[in-house]
């Protein structure tokens, strides 16, 4: 899968607005079909995701989320890349199929990272009001998100363990 897919389908003239009146549902479903997080989802699940979300385009350099701010949306990268920054430094790049913003919606705490668009980015955005409904109505999405979150925690634990080992050689 390429890092950056074309921003506009042939049947999508101009920019994608930030609201759900933008591209047709079929065009939005085609966008989702390219996202690894949704691979294997049937059309009914994809249509439900489309109904509960919107697609937004963000210019390179834009701060998408700010550490410490309230979190009110969950984001899935459709096209482009973003960089994450946490209190301990830059976390790295995220690419199409990666997601962020779920932690604030799950635990109600402020954002734990600043996310900045490193390229022009197309995002699937699920607002707080629809997030839990989306998870209830697409249980396979819950499993996928939990699996990825578990991997993130394990990587963080491994990094922390390596740092502690380096600071305290035995």
C-alpha atoms as a PDB file:
ATOM      1  CA  UNK A   1       0.000   0.000   0.000  1.00  0.00           C
ATOM      2  CA  UNK A   2       1.481   3.374  -0.950  1.00  0.00           C
ATOM      3  CA  UNK A   3       2.198   5.938   1.760  1.00  0.00           C
ATOM      4  CA  UNK A   4       0.036   8.545   0.078  1.00  0.00           C
ATOM      5  CA  UNK A   5      -2.977   7.741  -2.060  1.00  0.00           C
ATOM      6  CA  UNK A   6      -4.651  10.184  -4.433  1.00  0.00           C
ATOM      7  CA  UNK A   7      -6.703  12.674  -2.464  1.00  0.00           C
ATOM      8  CA  UNK A   8      -9.579  12.765  -4.907  1.00  0.00           C
ATOM      9  CA  UNK A   9     -11.471  10.053  -6.709  1.00  0.00           C
ATOM     10  CA  UNK A  10     -12.703  10.820 -10.188  1.00  0.00           C
ATOM     11  CA  UNK A  11     -16.232  11.333  -8.879  1.00  0.00           C
ATOM     12  CA  UNK A  12     -15.015  13.725  -6.148  1.00  0.00           C
ATOM     13  CA  UNK A  13     -14.368  17.170  -7.532  1.00  0.00           C
ATOM     14  CA  UNK A  14     -12.492  19.675  -5.355  1.00  0.00           C
ATOM     15  CA  UNK A  15     -11.713  19.487  -1.677  1.00  0.00           C
ATOM     16  CA  UNK A  16     -13.443  17.198   0.775  1.00  0.00           C
ATOM     17  CA  UNK A  17     -15.426  19.346   3.224  1.00  0.00           C
ATOM     18  CA  UNK A  18     -15.104  18.731   6.942  1.00  0.00           C
ATOM     19  CA  UNK A  19     -18.701  17.615   7.229  1.00  0.00           C
ATOM     20  CA  UNK A  20     -20.489  14.462   6.150  1.00  0.00           C
ATOM     21  CA  UNK A  21     -22.145  16.161   3.182  1.00  0.00           C
ATOM     22  CA  UNK A  22     -18.821  15.822   1.307  1.00  0.00           C
ATOM     23  CA  UNK A  23     -18.028  12.806  -0.831  1.00  0.00           C
ATOM     24  CA  UNK A  24     -20.719  10.314  -1.632  1.00  0.00           C
ATOM     25  CA  UNK A  25     -21.077   7.375   0.763  1.00  0.00           C
ATOM     26  CA  UNK A  26     -19.733   5.064  -1.944  1.00  0.00           C
ATOM     27  CA  UNK A  27     -16.588   7.207  -2.348  1.00  0.00           C
ATOM     28  CA  UNK A  28     -16.111   7.241   1.422  1.00  0.00           C
ATOM     29  CA  UNK A  29     -16.495   3.452   1.530  1.00  0.00           C
ATOM     30  CA  UNK A  30     -13.770   3.167  -1.134  1.00  0.00           C
ATOM     31  CA  UNK A  31     -11.514   5.284   1.081  1.00  0.00           C
ATOM     32  CA  UNK A  32     -12.158   2.993   4.046  1.00  0.00           C
ATOM     33  CA  UNK A  33     -11.517  -0.134   1.993  1.00  0.00           C
ATOM     34  CA  UNK A  34      -7.917   1.088   1.525  1.00  0.00           C
ATOM     35  CA  UNK A  35      -7.347   1.378   5.291  1.00  0.00           C
ATOM     36  CA  UNK A  36      -5.789  -1.747   6.856  1.00  0.00           C
ATOM     37  CA  UNK A  37      -7.755  -1.264  10.107  1.00  0.00           C
ATOM     38  CA  UNK A  38     -10.938  -1.961   8.127  1.00  0.00           C
ATOM     39  CA  UNK A  39      -9.640  -4.757   5.885  1.00  0.00           C
ATOM     40  CA  UNK A  40     -12.088  -7.615   5.598  1.00  0.00           C
ATOM     41  CA  UNK A  41     -15.037  -5.567   6.839  1.00  0.00           C
ATOM     42  CA  UNK A  42     -18.179  -6.211   4.836  1.00  0.00           C
ATOM     43  CA  UNK A  43     -20.012  -3.409   3.072  1.00  0.00           C
ATOM     44  CA  UNK A  44     -22.649  -3.162   5.824  1.00  0.00           C
ATOM     45  CA  UNK A  45     -19.960  -2.517   8.475  1.00  0.00           C
ATOM     46  CA  UNK A  46     -18.192  -0.001   6.231  1.00  0.00           C
ATOM     47  CA  UNK A  47     -21.485   1.767   5.524  1.00  0.00           C
ATOM     48  CA  UNK A  48     -22.139   1.988   9.278  1.00  0.00           C
ATOM     49  CA  UNK A  49     -18.690   3.481   9.844  1.00  0.00           C
ATOM     50  CA  UNK A  50     -19.371   6.028   7.094  1.00  0.00           C
ATOM     51  CA  UNK A  51     -22.700   6.960   8.711  1.00  0.00           C
ATOM     52  CA  UNK A  52     -21.028   7.612  12.075  1.00  0.00           C
ATOM     53  CA  UNK A  53     -17.990   9.503  10.802  1.00  0.00           C
ATOM     54  CA  UNK A  54     -16.771  12.279   8.559  1.00  0.00           C
ATOM     55  CA  UNK A  55     -13.715  12.703   6.390  1.00  0.00           C
ATOM     56  CA  UNK A  56     -11.455  15.716   6.882  1.00  0.00           C
ATOM     57  CA  UNK A  57      -8.442  16.950   4.966  1.00  0.00           C
ATOM     58  CA  UNK A  58      -5.660  18.563   6.982  1.00  0.00           C
ATOM     59  CA  UNK A  59      -2.746  20.533   5.513  1.00  0.00           C
ATOM     60  CA  UNK A  60       0.849  19.624   6.276  1.00  0.00           C
ATOM     61  CA  UNK A  61       2.064  21.372   9.439  1.00  0.00           C
ATOM     62  CA  UNK A  62      -1.372  21.446  11.087  1.00  0.00           C
ATOM     63  CA  UNK A  63      -1.624  20.390  14.743  1.00  0.00           C
ATOM     64  CA  UNK A  64      -4.385  17.767  14.778  1.00  0.00           C
ATOM     65  CA  UNK A  65      -4.366  17.100  18.523  1.00  0.00           C
ATOM     66  CA  UNK A  66      -2.593  18.967  21.326  1.00  0.00           C
ATOM     67  CA  UNK A  67      -1.260  17.269  24.451  1.00  0.00           C
ATOM     68  CA  UNK A  68      -3.268  18.207  27.540  1.00  0.00           C
ATOM     69  CA  UNK A  69      -6.341  19.334  25.585  1.00  0.00           C
ATOM     70  CA  UNK A  70      -9.681  17.550  25.939  1.00  0.00           C
ATOM     71  CA  UNK A  71     -10.130  14.770  23.427  1.00  0.00           C
ATOM     72  CA  UNK A  72     -13.362  14.754  21.495  1.00  0.00           C
ATOM     73  CA  UNK A  73     -12.522  12.734  18.371  1.00  0.00           C
ATOM     74  CA  UNK A  74     -10.953   9.492  17.194  1.00  0.00           C
ATOM     75  CA  UNK A  75      -8.914   9.649  13.970  1.00  0.00           C
ATOM     76  CA  UNK A  76      -7.940   7.049  11.377  1.00  0.00           C
ATOM     77  CA  UNK A  77      -5.376   8.051   8.769  1.00  0.00           C
ATOM     78  CA  UNK A  78      -6.636   7.364   5.255  1.00  0.00           C
ATOM     79  CA  UNK A  79      -3.873   9.170   3.333  1.00  0.00           C
ATOM     80  CA  UNK A  80      -0.683  10.931   4.396  1.00  0.00           C
ATOM     81  CA  UNK A  81       1.453  10.848   7.524  1.00  0.00           C
ATOM     82  CA  UNK A  82       1.506  12.471  10.951  1.00  0.00           C
ATOM     83  CA  UNK A  83       4.146  12.721  13.667  1.00  0.00           C
ATOM     84  CA  UNK A  84       3.385  12.188  17.351  1.00  0.00           C
ATOM     85  CA  UNK A  85       5.044  13.986  20.247  1.00  0.00           C
ATOM     86  CA  UNK A  86       4.665  12.930  23.869  1.00  0.00           C
ATOM     87  CA  UNK A  87       6.202  14.305  27.084  1.00  0.00           C
ATOM     88  CA  UNK A  88       9.165  11.978  26.568  1.00  0.00           C
ATOM     89  CA  UNK A  89       9.852  13.048  22.972  1.00  0.00           C
ATOM     90  CA  UNK A  90       8.867  12.395  19.396  1.00  0.00           C
ATOM     91  CA  UNK A  91       7.028   9.115  19.048  1.00  0.00           C
ATOM     92  CA  UNK A  92       7.479   8.641  15.358  1.00  0.00           C
ATOM     93  CA  UNK A  93       5.405   8.721  12.234  1.00  0.00           C
ATOM     94  CA  UNK A  94       1.979   7.249  11.710  1.00  0.00           C
ATOM     95  CA  UNK A  95       0.789   6.298   8.233  1.00  0.00           C
ATOM     96  CA  UNK A  96      -2.395   5.213   6.460  1.00  0.00           C
ATOM     97  CA  UNK A  97      -4.285   2.696   8.572  1.00  0.00           C
ATOM     98  CA  UNK A  98      -2.883   3.977  11.861  1.00  0.00           C
ATOM     99  CA  UNK A  99      -5.222   5.633  14.339  1.00  0.00           C
ATOM    100  CA  UNK A 100      -4.998   8.008  17.266  1.00  0.00           C
ATOM    101  CA  UNK A 101      -7.211   9.858  19.720  1.00  0.00           C
ATOM    102  CA  UNK A 102      -8.893   6.763  21.096  1.00  0.00           C
ATOM    103  CA  UNK A 103      -7.349   6.990  24.576  1.00  0.00           C
ATOM    104  CA  UNK A 104      -9.077  10.246  25.507  1.00  0.00           C
ATOM    105  CA  UNK A 105     -12.401   8.853  24.344  1.00  0.00           C
ATOM    106  CA  UNK A 106     -11.891   5.604  26.241  1.00  0.00           C
ATOM    107  CA  UNK A 107     -10.760   7.063  29.580  1.00  0.00           C
ATOM    108  CA  UNK A 108     -12.012  10.681  29.489  1.00  0.00           C
ATOM    109  CA  UNK A 109      -8.528  12.060  30.209  1.00  0.00           C
ATOM    110  CA  UNK A 110      -6.860  14.870  28.209  1.00  0.00           C
ATOM    111  CA  UNK A 111      -4.829  14.110  25.092  1.00  0.00           C
ATOM    112  CA  UNK A 112      -1.575  12.272  25.847  1.00  0.00           C
ATOM    113  CA  UNK A 113       0.193  13.349  22.649  1.00  0.00           C
ATOM    114  CA  UNK A 114       0.454  16.167  20.168  1.00  0.00           C
ATOM    115  CA  UNK A 115      -0.126  14.969  16.623  1.00  0.00           C
ATOM    116  CA  UNK A 116       1.069  17.095  13.702  1.00  0.00           C
ATOM    117  CA  UNK A 117       0.415  16.457  10.004  1.00  0.00           C
ATOM    118  CA  UNK A 118       3.784  15.927   8.284  1.00  0.00           C
ATOM    119  CA  UNK A 119       2.116  15.779   4.858  1.00  0.00           C
ATOM    120  CA  UNK A 120      -1.344  16.706   3.671  1.00  0.00           C
ATOM    121  CA  UNK A 121      -3.535  14.178   5.449  1.00  0.00           C
ATOM    122  CA  UNK A 122      -6.979  12.726   4.886  1.00  0.00           C
ATOM    123  CA  UNK A 123      -8.553  11.529   8.128  1.00  0.00           C
ATOM    124  CA  UNK A 124     -11.628   9.573   9.053  1.00  0.00           C
ATOM    125  CA  UNK A 125     -12.980  11.394  12.115  1.00  0.00           C
ATOM    126  CA  UNK A 126     -15.360   9.854  14.638  1.00  0.00           C
ATOM    127  CA  UNK A 127     -16.604  12.344  17.205  1.00  0.00           C
ATOM    128  CA  UNK A 128     -17.184  11.437  20.846  1.00  0.00           C
ATOM    129  CA  UNK A 129     -20.958  11.311  20.364  1.00  0.00           C
ATOM    130  CA  UNK A 130     -20.599   8.474  17.846  1.00  0.00           C
ATOM    131  CA  UNK A 131     -17.484   6.653  19.101  1.00  0.00           C
ATOM    132  CA  UNK A 132     -19.141   4.256  21.559  1.00  0.00           C
ATOM    133  CA  UNK A 133     -21.986   3.587  19.164  1.00  0.00           C
ATOM    134  CA  UNK A 134     -19.471   2.731  16.446  1.00  0.00           C
ATOM    135  CA  UNK A 135     -17.700   0.277  18.748  1.00  0.00           C
ATOM    136  CA  UNK A 136     -20.987  -1.316  19.811  1.00  0.00           C
ATOM    137  CA  UNK A 137     -22.139  -1.725  16.224  1.00  0.00           C
ATOM    138  CA  UNK A 138     -18.827  -3.007  14.808  1.00  0.00           C
ATOM    139  CA  UNK A 139     -17.421  -5.452  17.402  1.00  0.00           C
ATOM    140  CA  UNK A 140     -14.567  -6.534  15.140  1.00  0.00           C
ATOM    141  CA  UNK A 141     -13.291  -2.953  15.315  1.00  0.00           C
ATOM    142  CA  UNK A 142     -13.080  -3.257  19.117  1.00  0.00           C
ATOM    143  CA  UNK A 143     -10.903  -6.376  18.783  1.00  0.00           C
ATOM    144  CA  UNK A 144      -8.612  -4.689  16.270  1.00  0.00           C
ATOM    145  CA  UNK A 145      -8.219  -1.521  18.344  1.00  0.00           C
ATOM    146  CA  UNK A 146      -7.523  -3.536  21.510  1.00  0.00           C
ATOM    147  CA  UNK A 147      -4.915  -5.648  19.709  1.00  0.00           C
ATOM    148  CA  UNK A 148      -3.117  -2.552  18.429  1.00  0.00           C
ATOM    149  CA  UNK A 149      -3.304  -0.827  21.827  1.00  0.00           C
ATOM    150  CA  UNK A 150      -1.844  -3.932  23.447  1.00  0.00           C
ATOM    151  CA  UNK A 151       1.051  -3.890  20.959  1.00  0.00           C
ATOM    152  CA  UNK A 152       1.672  -0.206  21.697  1.00  0.00           C
ATOM    153  CA  UNK A 153       1.818  -0.889  25.453  1.00  0.00           C
ATOM    154  CA  UNK A 154       4.226  -3.794  24.926  1.00  0.00           C
ATOM    155  CA  UNK A 155       6.535  -1.637  22.754  1.00  0.00           C
ATOM    156  CA  UNK A 156       6.456   1.108  25.370  1.00  0.00           C
ATOM    157  CA  UNK A 157       7.282  -1.400  28.121  1.00  0.00           C
ATOM    158  CA  UNK A 158      10.176  -2.784  26.052  1.00  0.00           C
ATOM    159  CA  UNK A 159      11.512   0.731  25.425  1.00  0.00           C
ATOM    160  CA  UNK A 160      11.221   1.639  29.100  1.00  0.00           C
ATOM    161  CA  UNK A 161      12.925  -1.608  30.102  1.00  0.00           C
ATOM    162  CA  UNK A 162      15.803  -0.889  27.669  1.00  0.00           C
ATOM    163  CA  UNK A 163      16.169   2.645  29.061  1.00  0.00           C
ATOM    164  CA  UNK A 164      16.219   1.404  32.649  1.00  0.00           C
ATOM    165  CA  UNK A 165      18.726  -1.319  31.763  1.00  0.00           C
ATOM    166  CA  UNK A 166      20.944   1.274  30.053  1.00  0.00           C
ATOM    167  CA  UNK A 167      20.804   3.606  33.069  1.00  0.00           C
ATOM    168  CA  UNK A 168      21.493   0.768  35.522  1.00  0.00           C
ATOM    169  CA  UNK A 169      23.931  -1.643  33.864  1.00  0.00           C
ATOM    170  CA  UNK A 170      24.198  -4.854  35.825  1.00  0.00           C
END
